[in-house]
PDB file of N, CA and C in Angstrom:
ATOM      1  N   MET A   1     -39.476 -21.289 251.733  1.00  0.00           N
ATOM      2  CA  MET A   1     -40.256 -20.441 251.011  1.00  0.00           C
ATOM      3  C   MET A   1     -40.513 -20.401 249.583  1.00  0.00           C
ATOM      4  N   SER A   2     -41.790 -20.867 248.949  1.00  0.00           N
ATOM      5  CA  SER A   2     -42.041 -21.211 247.583  1.00  0.00           C
ATOM      6  C   SER A   2     -41.636 -19.503 247.046  1.00  0.00           C
ATOM      7  N   GLU A   3     -41.300 -19.744 245.629  1.00  0.00           N
ATOM      8  CA  GLU A   3     -41.557 -18.726 244.740  1.00  0.00           C
ATOM      9  C   GLU A   3     -42.434 -18.372 244.138  1.00  0.00           C
ATOM     10  N   THR A   4     -42.653 -17.507 243.673  1.00  0.00           N
ATOM     11  CA  THR A   4     -43.965 -17.189 242.798  1.00  0.00           C
ATOM     12  C   THR A   4     -43.682 -16.897 241.235  1.00  0.00           C
ATOM     13  N   ALA A   5     -44.554 -17.239 240.718  1.00  0.00           N
ATOM     14  CA  ALA A   5     -44.641 -16.875 239.231  1.00  0.00           C
ATOM     15  C   ALA A   5     -43.773 -15.896 238.824  1.00  0.00           C
ATOM     16  N   THR A   6     -44.045 -14.460 239.386  1.00  0.00           N
ATOM     17  CA  THR A   6     -43.730 -13.315 238.868  1.00  0.00           C
ATOM     18  C   THR A   6     -42.143 -13.179 239.223  1.00  0.00           C
ATOM     19  N   GLU A   7     -41.847 -13.915 240.217  1.00  0.00           N
ATOM     20  CA  GLU A   7     -40.173 -13.866 240.527  1.00  0.00           C
ATOM     21  C   GLU A   7     -39.219 -14.710 239.493  1.00  0.00           C
ATOM     22  N   HIS A   8     -40.192 -15.345 238.305  1.00  0.00           N
ATOM     23  CA  HIS A   8     -39.447 -16.138 237.455  1.00  0.00           C
ATOM     24  C   HIS A   8     -39.825 -15.513 235.994  1.00  0.00           C
ATOM     25  N   ARG A   9     -40.784 -14.248 236.152  1.00  0.00           N
ATOM     26  CA  ARG A   9     -41.002 -13.803 234.877  1.00  0.00           C
ATOM     27  C   ARG A   9     -39.901 -13.119 234.039  1.00  0.00           C
ATOM     28  N   LYS A  10     -40.103 -13.353 232.818  1.00  0.00           N
ATOM     29  CA  LYS A  10     -39.001 -12.572 232.116  1.00  0.00           C
ATOM     30  C   LYS A  10     -39.188 -11.413 231.876  1.00  0.00           C
ATOM     31  N   PRO A  11     -38.291 -10.347 231.530  1.00  0.00           N
ATOM     32  CA  PRO A  11     -38.494  -8.939 231.242  1.00  0.00           C
ATOM     33  C   PRO A  11     -39.083  -8.725 230.258  1.00  0.00           C
ATOM     34  N   GLU A  12     -39.976  -7.857 230.376  1.00  0.00           N
ATOM     35  CA  GLU A  12     -40.734  -7.386 229.040  1.00  0.00           C
ATOM     36  C   GLU A  12     -39.585  -6.963 227.652  1.00  0.00           C
ATOM     37  N   ILE A  13     -39.842  -7.128 226.630  1.00  0.00           N
ATOM     38  CA  ILE A  13     -39.057  -6.475 225.629  1.00  0.00           C
ATOM     39  C   ILE A  13     -39.912  -5.489 224.638  1.00  0.00           C
ATOM     40  N   SER A  14     -39.529  -4.202 224.200  1.00  0.00           N
ATOM     41  CA  SER A  14     -40.112  -3.617 223.483  1.00  0.00           C
ATOM     42  C   SER A  14     -39.188  -2.996 222.241  1.00  0.00           C
ATOM     43  N   VAL A  15     -39.562  -2.889 221.015  1.00  0.00           N
ATOM     44  CA  VAL A  15     -39.018  -2.663 220.132  1.00  0.00           C
ATOM     45  C   VAL A  15     -39.973  -1.127 219.462  1.00  0.00           C
ATOM     46  N   LEU A  16     -39.302  -0.035 219.440  1.00  0.00           N
ATOM     47  CA  LEU A  16     -40.053   0.920 218.824  1.00  0.00           C
ATOM     48  C   LEU A  16     -39.244   1.756 218.024  1.00  0.00           C
ATOM     49  N   GLN A  17     -39.922   2.745 217.254  1.00  0.00           N
ATOM     50  CA  GLN A  17     -39.257   3.613 216.083  1.00  0.00           C
ATOM     51  C   GLN A  17     -38.682   4.743 217.100  1.00  0.00           C
ATOM     52  N   GLU A  18     -37.460   4.953 216.872  1.00  0.00           N
ATOM     53  CA  GLU A  18     -36.652   5.950 217.428  1.00  0.00           C
ATOM     54  C   GLU A  18     -37.386   7.464 216.596  1.00  0.00           C
ATOM     55  N   PRO A  19     -37.900   8.154 217.972  1.00  0.00           N
ATOM     56  CA  PRO A  19     -38.352   9.493 217.099  1.00  0.00           C
ATOM     57  C   PRO A  19     -37.558  10.454 216.676  1.00  0.00           C
ATOM     58  N   GLY A  20     -36.039  10.488 216.786  1.00  0.00           N
ATOM     59  CA  GLY A  20     -35.204  11.310 216.217  1.00  0.00           C
ATOM     60  C   GLY A  20     -34.196  10.629 215.463  1.00  0.00           C
ATOM     61  N   ARG A  21     -33.274  11.345 215.211  1.00  0.00           N
ATOM     62  CA  ARG A  21     -32.036  11.120 214.296  1.00  0.00           C
ATOM     63  C   ARG A  21     -30.978  10.414 215.234  1.00  0.00           C
ATOM     64  N   VAL A  22     -30.384   9.079 214.734  1.00  0.00           N
ATOM     65  CA  VAL A  22     -29.451   8.772 215.415  1.00  0.00           C
ATOM     66  C   VAL A  22     -27.916   8.794 214.584  1.00  0.00           C
ATOM     67  N   THR A  23     -27.113   9.342 215.056  1.00  0.00           N
ATOM     68  CA  THR A  23     -25.683   9.746 214.138  1.00  0.00           C
ATOM     69  C   THR A  23     -24.424   9.094 215.215  1.00  0.00           C
ATOM     70  N   VAL A  24     -23.851   8.037 214.459  1.00  0.00           N
ATOM     71  CA  VAL A  24     -22.738   7.354 215.391  1.00  0.00           C
ATOM     72  C   VAL A  24     -21.573   7.956 214.595  1.00  0.00           C
ATOM     73  N   ARG A  25     -20.526   8.504 215.632  1.00  0.00           N
ATOM     74  CA  ARG A  25     -19.107   9.010 215.225  1.00  0.00           C
ATOM     75  C   ARG A  25     -18.209   8.175 215.802  1.00  0.00           C
ATOM     76  N   VAL A  26     -17.085   7.864 215.158  1.00  0.00           N
ATOM     77  CA  VAL A  26     -15.959   7.191 215.578  1.00  0.00           C
ATOM     78  C   VAL A  26     -14.647   8.117 215.448  1.00  0.00           C
ATOM     79  N   GLY A  27     -14.333   8.500 216.487  1.00  0.00           N
ATOM     80  CA  GLY A  27     -12.903   9.543 216.229  1.00  0.00           C
ATOM     81  C   GLY A  27     -13.421  10.909 215.478  1.00  0.00           C
ATOM     82  N   GLY A  28     -14.701  11.144 215.390  1.00  0.00           N
ATOM     83  CA  GLY A  28     -15.066  12.385 214.734  1.00  0.00           C
ATOM     84  C   GLY A  28     -15.816  11.926 213.367  1.00  0.00           C
ATOM     85  N   VAL A  29     -15.299  10.737 212.719  1.00  0.00           N
ATOM     86  CA  VAL A  29     -15.882  10.353 211.742  1.00  0.00           C
ATOM     87  C   VAL A  29     -17.336   9.545 211.537  1.00  0.00           C
ATOM     88  N   VAL A  30     -18.403  10.124 210.991  1.00  0.00           N
ATOM     89  CA  VAL A  30     -19.730   9.829 210.639  1.00  0.00           C
ATOM     90  C   VAL A  30     -19.532   8.223 210.372  1.00  0.00           C
ATOM     91  N   VAL A  31     -20.188   7.165 211.053  1.00  0.00           N
ATOM     92  CA  VAL A  31     -19.817   6.089 210.468  1.00  0.00           C
ATOM     93  C   VAL A  31     -21.471   5.534 210.379  1.00  0.00           C
ATOM     94  N   ALA A  32     -22.469   6.147 211.000  1.00  0.00           N
ATOM     95  CA  ALA A  32     -23.839   6.068 210.551  1.00  0.00           C
ATOM     96  C   ALA A  32     -24.599   7.250 210.919  1.00  0.00           C
ATOM     97  N   ASP A  33     -25.795   7.199 210.107  1.00  0.00           N
ATOM     98  CA  ASP A  33     -26.761   8.255 210.233  1.00  0.00           C
ATOM     99  C   ASP A  33     -28.132   7.917 209.797  1.00  0.00           C
ATOM    100  N   SER A  34     -29.077   7.992 210.651  1.00  0.00           N
ATOM    101  CA  SER A  34     -30.643   7.300 210.349  1.00  0.00           C
ATOM    102  C   SER A  34     -31.450   8.316 210.962  1.00  0.00           C
ATOM    103  N   THR A  35     -32.661   7.996 210.320  1.00  0.00           N
ATOM    104  CA  THR A  35     -34.018   8.632 210.944  1.00  0.00           C
ATOM    105  C   THR A  35     -35.059   7.186 210.934  1.00  0.00           C
ATOM    106  N   SER A  36     -34.327   6.112 210.466  1.00  0.00           N
ATOM    107  CA  SER A  36     -35.101   5.157 210.825  1.00  0.00           C
ATOM    108  C   SER A  36     -34.863   3.784 211.685  1.00  0.00           C
ATOM    109  N   ALA A  37     -34.035   4.495 212.767  1.00  0.00           N
ATOM    110  CA  ALA A  37     -33.565   3.609 213.815  1.00  0.00           C
ATOM    111  C   ALA A  37     -34.709   3.064 214.708  1.00  0.00           C
ATOM    112  N   LEU A  38     -34.404   1.708 215.240  1.00  0.00           N
ATOM    113  CA  LEU A  38     -35.052   1.195 216.254  1.00  0.00           C
ATOM    114  C   LEU A  38     -34.391   0.958 217.597  1.00  0.00           C
ATOM    115  N   VAL A  39     -35.498   1.366 218.713  1.00  0.00           N
ATOM    116  CA  VAL A  39     -34.867   1.238 219.800  1.00  0.00           C
ATOM    117  C   VAL A  39     -35.243  -0.056 220.656  1.00  0.00           C
ATOM    118  N   LEU A  40     -34.462  -0.654 221.254  1.00  0.00           N
ATOM    119  CA  LEU A  40     -35.206  -1.913 221.733  1.00  0.00           C
ATOM    120  C   LEU A  40     -34.506  -2.101 223.331  1.00  0.00           C
ATOM    121  N   THR A  41     -35.597  -1.953 224.117  1.00  0.00           N
ATOM    122  CA  THR A  41     -35.579  -2.060 225.560  1.00  0.00           C
ATOM    123  C   THR A  41     -35.871  -3.205 226.089  1.00  0.00           C
ATOM    124  N   GLU A  42     -35.241  -3.888 227.117  1.00  0.00           N
ATOM    125  CA  GLU A  42     -35.558  -5.483 227.745  1.00  0.00           C
ATOM    126  C   GLU A  42     -34.967  -4.809 229.367  1.00  0.00           C
ATOM    127  N   GLY A  43     -36.122  -4.855 230.002  1.00  0.00           N
ATOM    128  CA  GLY A  43     -35.875  -4.779 231.522  1.00  0.00           C
ATOM    129  C   GLY A  43     -35.184  -3.765 232.136  1.00  0.00           C
ATOM    130  N   ARG A  44     -34.308  -3.834 232.593  1.00  0.00           N
ATOM    131  CA  ARG A  44     -33.281  -2.910 233.260  1.00  0.00           C
ATOM    132  C   ARG A  44     -32.026  -2.786 232.417  1.00  0.00           C
ATOM    133  N   LEU A  45     -31.875  -3.419 231.430  1.00  0.00           N
ATOM    134  CA  LEU A  45     -30.697  -3.046 230.479  1.00  0.00           C
ATOM    135  C   LEU A  45     -30.824  -2.075 229.705  1.00  0.00           C
ATOM    136  N   PRO A  46     -29.950  -1.446 229.336  1.00  0.00           N
ATOM    137  CA  PRO A  46     -29.839   0.051 228.501  1.00  0.00           C
ATOM    138  C   PRO A  46     -30.280  -0.235 227.341  1.00  0.00           C
ATOM    139  N   PRO A  47     -31.049   0.718 226.714  1.00  0.00           N
ATOM    140  CA  PRO A  47     -31.603   0.909 225.445  1.00  0.00           C
ATOM    141  C   PRO A  47     -30.508   0.366 224.409  1.00  0.00           C
ATOM    142  N   ARG A  48     -30.785  -0.069 223.460  1.00  0.00           N
ATOM    143  CA  ARG A  48     -30.104  -0.585 222.375  1.00  0.00           C
ATOM    144  C   ARG A  48     -30.586  -0.069 221.192  1.00  0.00           C
ATOM    145  N   HIS A  49     -29.953   0.686 220.330  1.00  0.00           N
ATOM    146  CA  HIS A  49     -30.184   1.151 219.227  1.00  0.00           C
ATOM    147  C   HIS A  49     -30.052   0.052 217.750  1.00  0.00           C
ATOM    148  N   TYR A  50     -30.873  -0.239 216.777  1.00  0.00           N
ATOM    149  CA  TYR A  50     -30.610  -0.834 215.566  1.00  0.00           C
ATOM    150  C   TYR A  50     -30.980  -0.056 214.302  1.00  0.00           C
ATOM    151  N   LEU A  51     -29.730  -0.061 213.365  1.00  0.00           N
ATOM    152  CA  LEU A  51     -29.991   0.816 212.681  1.00  0.00           C
ATOM    153  C   LEU A  51     -29.982   0.107 211.307  1.00  0.00           C
ATOM    154  N   PRO A  52     -30.751   0.561 209.860  1.00  0.00           N
ATOM    155  CA  PRO A  52     -30.785  -0.226 208.619  1.00  0.00           C
ATOM    156  C   PRO A  52     -29.418  -0.249 208.473  1.00  0.00           C
ATOM    157  N   VAL A  53     -28.975  -1.417 207.541  1.00  0.00           N
ATOM    158  CA  VAL A  53     -27.586  -1.349 206.805  1.00  0.00           C
ATOM    159  C   VAL A  53     -27.384  -0.233 205.919  1.00  0.00           C
ATOM    160  N   SER A  54     -28.523   0.100 205.302  1.00  0.00           N
ATOM    161  CA  SER A  54     -28.317   1.262 204.332  1.00  0.00           C
ATOM    162  C   SER A  54     -27.873   2.711 205.033  1.00  0.00           C
ATOM    163  N   ASP A  55     -27.951   2.736 206.190  1.00  0.00           N
ATOM    164  CA  ASP A  55     -27.637   3.973 206.813  1.00  0.00           C
ATOM    165  C   ASP A  55     -26.303   4.062 207.411  1.00  0.00           C
ATOM    166  N   VAL A  56     -25.626   2.622 207.481  1.00  0.00           N
ATOM    167  CA  VAL A  56     -24.201   2.372 208.011  1.00  0.00           C
ATOM    168  C   VAL A  56     -23.307   2.401 206.632  1.00  0.00           C
ATOM    169  N   LYS A  57     -22.194   3.185 206.785  1.00  0.00           N
ATOM    170  CA  LYS A  57     -20.967   3.040 206.079  1.00  0.00           C
ATOM    171  C   LYS A  57     -20.306   1.869 206.305  1.00  0.00           C
ATOM    172  N   MET A  58     -20.639   0.793 205.935  1.00  0.00           N
ATOM    173  CA  MET A  58     -20.263  -0.510 206.259  1.00  0.00           C
ATOM    174  C   MET A  58     -18.979  -0.710 205.711  1.00  0.00           C
ATOM    175  N   GLU A  59     -18.486   0.047 204.831  1.00  0.00           N
ATOM    176  CA  GLU A  59     -16.766   0.262 204.204  1.00  0.00           C
ATOM    177  C   GLU A  59     -16.088   0.563 205.221  1.00  0.00           C
ATOM    178  N   LEU A  60     -16.609   1.094 206.280  1.00  0.00           N
ATOM    179  CA  LEU A  60     -15.818   1.548 207.149  1.00  0.00           C
ATOM    180  C   LEU A  60     -15.614   0.644 208.687  1.00  0.00           C
ATOM    181  N   LEU A  61     -16.297  -0.293 208.432  1.00  0.00           N
ATOM    182  CA  LEU A  61     -16.467  -1.458 209.477  1.00  0.00           C
ATOM    183  C   LEU A  61     -15.626  -2.574 208.970  1.00  0.00           C
ATOM    184  N   HIS A  62     -15.152  -3.210 210.240  1.00  0.00           N
ATOM    185  CA  HIS A  62     -14.414  -4.798 209.570  1.00  0.00           C
ATOM    186  C   HIS A  62     -15.007  -5.734 210.533  1.00  0.00           C
ATOM    187  N   PRO A  63     -14.944  -6.972 210.084  1.00  0.00           N
ATOM    188  CA  PRO A  63     -15.488  -8.171 211.250  1.00  0.00           C
ATOM    189  C   PRO A  63     -14.374  -8.153 212.231  1.00  0.00           C
ATOM    190  N   THR A  64     -14.790  -8.552 213.450  1.00  0.00           N
ATOM    191  CA  THR A  64     -14.246  -9.468 214.411  1.00  0.00           C
ATOM    192  C   THR A  64     -14.325 -10.766 214.532  1.00  0.00           C
ATOM    193  N   VAL A  65     -13.445 -11.439 215.256  1.00  0.00           N
ATOM    194  CA  VAL A  65     -13.331 -12.653 215.565  1.00  0.00           C
ATOM    195  C   VAL A  65     -14.739 -13.213 216.678  1.00  0.00           C
ATOM    196  N   LEU A  66     -15.132 -12.128 217.499  1.00  0.00           N
ATOM    197  CA  LEU A  66     -16.127 -12.206 218.490  1.00  0.00           C
ATOM    198  C   LEU A  66     -17.503 -12.325 217.989  1.00  0.00           C
ATOM    199  N   SER A  67     -18.445 -13.409 218.802  1.00  0.00           N
ATOM    200  CA  SER A  67     -19.748 -13.522 218.260  1.00  0.00           C
ATOM    201  C   SER A  67     -20.821 -13.513 219.302  1.00  0.00           C
ATOM    202  N   THR A  68     -21.996 -13.163 219.048  1.00  0.00           N
ATOM    203  CA  THR A  68     -22.834 -13.575 220.176  1.00  0.00           C
ATOM    204  C   THR A  68     -23.982 -14.517 219.616  1.00  0.00           C
ATOM    205  N   HIS A  69     -24.682 -15.179 220.679  1.00  0.00           N
ATOM    206  CA  HIS A  69     -25.814 -15.993 220.168  1.00  0.00           C
ATOM    207  C   HIS A  69     -27.050 -15.704 221.087  1.00  0.00           C
TER     208      HIS A  69
END
């Protein structure tokens, strides 16, 4: 049985402005608060929010040895 082009189609990706406020808390501490967040959706994967660095309390974060490509 041959496969059709739609079986190899990559999932659609969309990036939209989040219409509301996004607040990130860790242990009750606000780490980020933004009204300028973007939400990325890709196929059946859960949506992911991206926030401007200026809306994140970077001094509360620390780097890890993990990375993604």
